[in-house]
C-alpha atoms as a PDB file:
ATOM      1  CA  UNK A   1     133.137 119.133 167.315  1.00  0.00           C
ATOM      2  CA  UNK A   2     135.837 116.528 166.814  1.00  0.00           C
ATOM      3  CA  UNK A   3     137.791 116.487 163.578  1.00  0.00           C
ATOM      4  CA  UNK A   4     138.283 113.263 161.696  1.00  0.00           C
ATOM      5  CA  UNK A   5     141.726 112.362 160.404  1.00  0.00           C
ATOM      6  CA  UNK A   6     142.482 111.633 156.780  1.00  0.00           C
ATOM      7  CA  UNK A   7     145.506 109.938 155.211  1.00  0.00           C
ATOM      8  CA  UNK A   8     147.097 112.324 152.720  1.00  0.00           C
ATOM      9  CA  UNK A   9     150.320 110.414 152.064  1.00  0.00           C
ATOM     10  CA  UNK A  10     151.963 107.071 152.801  1.00  0.00           C
ATOM     11  CA  UNK A  11     155.719 107.221 153.198  1.00  0.00           C
ATOM     12  CA  UNK A  12     158.025 104.262 152.643  1.00  0.00           C
ATOM     13  CA  UNK A  13     160.638 105.276 155.228  1.00  0.00           C
ATOM     14  CA  UNK A  14     160.688 107.161 158.535  1.00  0.00           C
ATOM     15  CA  UNK A  15     162.910 109.828 156.965  1.00  0.00           C
ATOM     16  CA  UNK A  16     160.453 110.417 154.117  1.00  0.00           C
ATOM     17  CA  UNK A  17     157.596 110.673 156.637  1.00  0.00           C
ATOM     18  CA  UNK A  18     159.516 113.261 158.670  1.00  0.00           C
ATOM     19  CA  UNK A  19     160.259 115.340 155.560  1.00  0.00           C
ATOM     20  CA  UNK A  20     156.556 115.334 154.661  1.00  0.00           C
ATOM     21  CA  UNK A  21     155.632 116.190 158.251  1.00  0.00           C
ATOM     22  CA  UNK A  22     158.099 119.091 158.225  1.00  0.00           C
ATOM     23  CA  UNK A  23     156.703 120.457 154.961  1.00  0.00           C
ATOM     24  CA  UNK A  24     153.115 120.333 156.160  1.00  0.00           C
ATOM     25  CA  UNK A  25     153.794 121.639 159.669  1.00  0.00           C
ATOM     26  CA  UNK A  26     155.871 124.535 158.314  1.00  0.00           C
ATOM     27  CA  UNK A  27     152.726 125.523 156.414  1.00  0.00           C
ATOM     28  CA  UNK A  28     150.545 125.422 159.522  1.00  0.00           C
ATOM     29  CA  UNK A  29     149.035 121.963 159.039  1.00  0.00           C
ATOM     30  CA  UNK A  30     148.904 119.683 162.070  1.00  0.00           C
ATOM     31  CA  UNK A  31     150.258 116.201 161.288  1.00  0.00           C
ATOM     32  CA  UNK A  32     150.045 112.803 162.932  1.00  0.00           C
ATOM     33  CA  UNK A  33     152.230 109.919 161.768  1.00  0.00           C
ATOM     34  CA  UNK A  34     150.807 106.421 162.093  1.00  0.00           C
ATOM     35  CA  UNK A  35     152.840 103.243 161.739  1.00  0.00           C
ATOM     36  CA  UNK A  36     156.278 104.664 162.417  1.00  0.00           C
ATOM     37  CA  UNK A  37     156.823 102.442 165.461  1.00  0.00           C
ATOM     38  CA  UNK A  38     156.585  99.254 163.381  1.00  0.00           C
ATOM     39  CA  UNK A  39     159.281 100.477 161.042  1.00  0.00           C
ATOM     40  CA  UNK A  40     161.616 101.109 163.969  1.00  0.00           C
ATOM     41  CA  UNK A  41     160.810  97.949 165.939  1.00  0.00           C
ATOM     42  CA  UNK A  42     160.641  95.433 163.103  1.00  0.00           C
ATOM     43  CA  UNK A  43     162.850  97.141 160.551  1.00  0.00           C
ATOM     44  CA  UNK A  44     160.068  97.227 157.969  1.00  0.00           C
ATOM     45  CA  UNK A  45     160.613 100.024 155.526  1.00  0.00           C
ATOM     46  CA  UNK A  46     158.660  99.155 152.400  1.00  0.00           C
ATOM     47  CA  UNK A  47     155.272  97.934 151.335  1.00  0.00           C
ATOM     48  CA  UNK A  48     152.006  97.834 153.228  1.00  0.00           C
ATOM     49  CA  UNK A  49     153.523  96.645 156.494  1.00  0.00           C
ATOM     50  CA  UNK A  50     156.246  99.271 156.489  1.00  0.00           C
ATOM     51  CA  UNK A  51     154.280 102.244 155.250  1.00  0.00           C
ATOM     52  CA  UNK A  52     153.952 105.259 157.509  1.00  0.00           C
ATOM     53  CA  UNK A  53     150.662 107.063 157.103  1.00  0.00           C
ATOM     54  CA  UNK A  54     150.676 110.852 157.201  1.00  0.00           C
ATOM     55  CA  UNK A  55     147.345 111.981 158.646  1.00  0.00           C
ATOM     56  CA  UNK A  56     145.837 115.454 158.880  1.00  0.00           C
ATOM     57  CA  UNK A  57     142.479 116.818 160.005  1.00  0.00           C
ATOM     58  CA  UNK A  58     139.728 116.558 157.387  1.00  0.00           C
ATOM     59  CA  UNK A  59     139.480 120.318 157.039  1.00  0.00           C
ATOM     60  CA  UNK A  60     143.220 120.546 156.248  1.00  0.00           C
ATOM     61  CA  UNK A  61     143.394 117.563 153.880  1.00  0.00           C
ATOM     62  CA  UNK A  62     142.826 119.483 150.652  1.00  0.00           C
ATOM     63  CA  UNK A  63     145.480 122.096 151.508  1.00  0.00           C
ATOM     64  CA  UNK A  64     147.903 119.313 152.480  1.00  0.00           C
ATOM     65  CA  UNK A  65     147.387 117.477 149.189  1.00  0.00           C
ATOM     66  CA  UNK A  66     147.911 120.688 147.241  1.00  0.00           C
ATOM     67  CA  UNK A  67     151.200 121.341 149.037  1.00  0.00           C
ATOM     68  CA  UNK A  68     152.355 117.788 148.391  1.00  0.00           C
ATOM     69  CA  UNK A  69     151.381 118.070 144.723  1.00  0.00           C
ATOM     70  CA  UNK A  70     153.375 121.306 144.379  1.00  0.00           C
ATOM     71  CA  UNK A  71     156.470 119.603 145.801  1.00  0.00           C
ATOM     72  CA  UNK A  72     156.463 116.733 143.289  1.00  0.00           C
END
């Protein structure tokens, strides 16, 4: 069975995305970042074009959101 991916956070900068990835991965949640290449290639760092999506497997999405909520 293949897991679907779900966006749990959209970061405005590559650094923010990496911090979020580190938090989730240190808690055992597998993370995929989507859109980070555009921010590096085109220098986009804000808004819809520059957002970096933090994706996790569906079955880990709720735990990921809870961790992110705790860190706010």
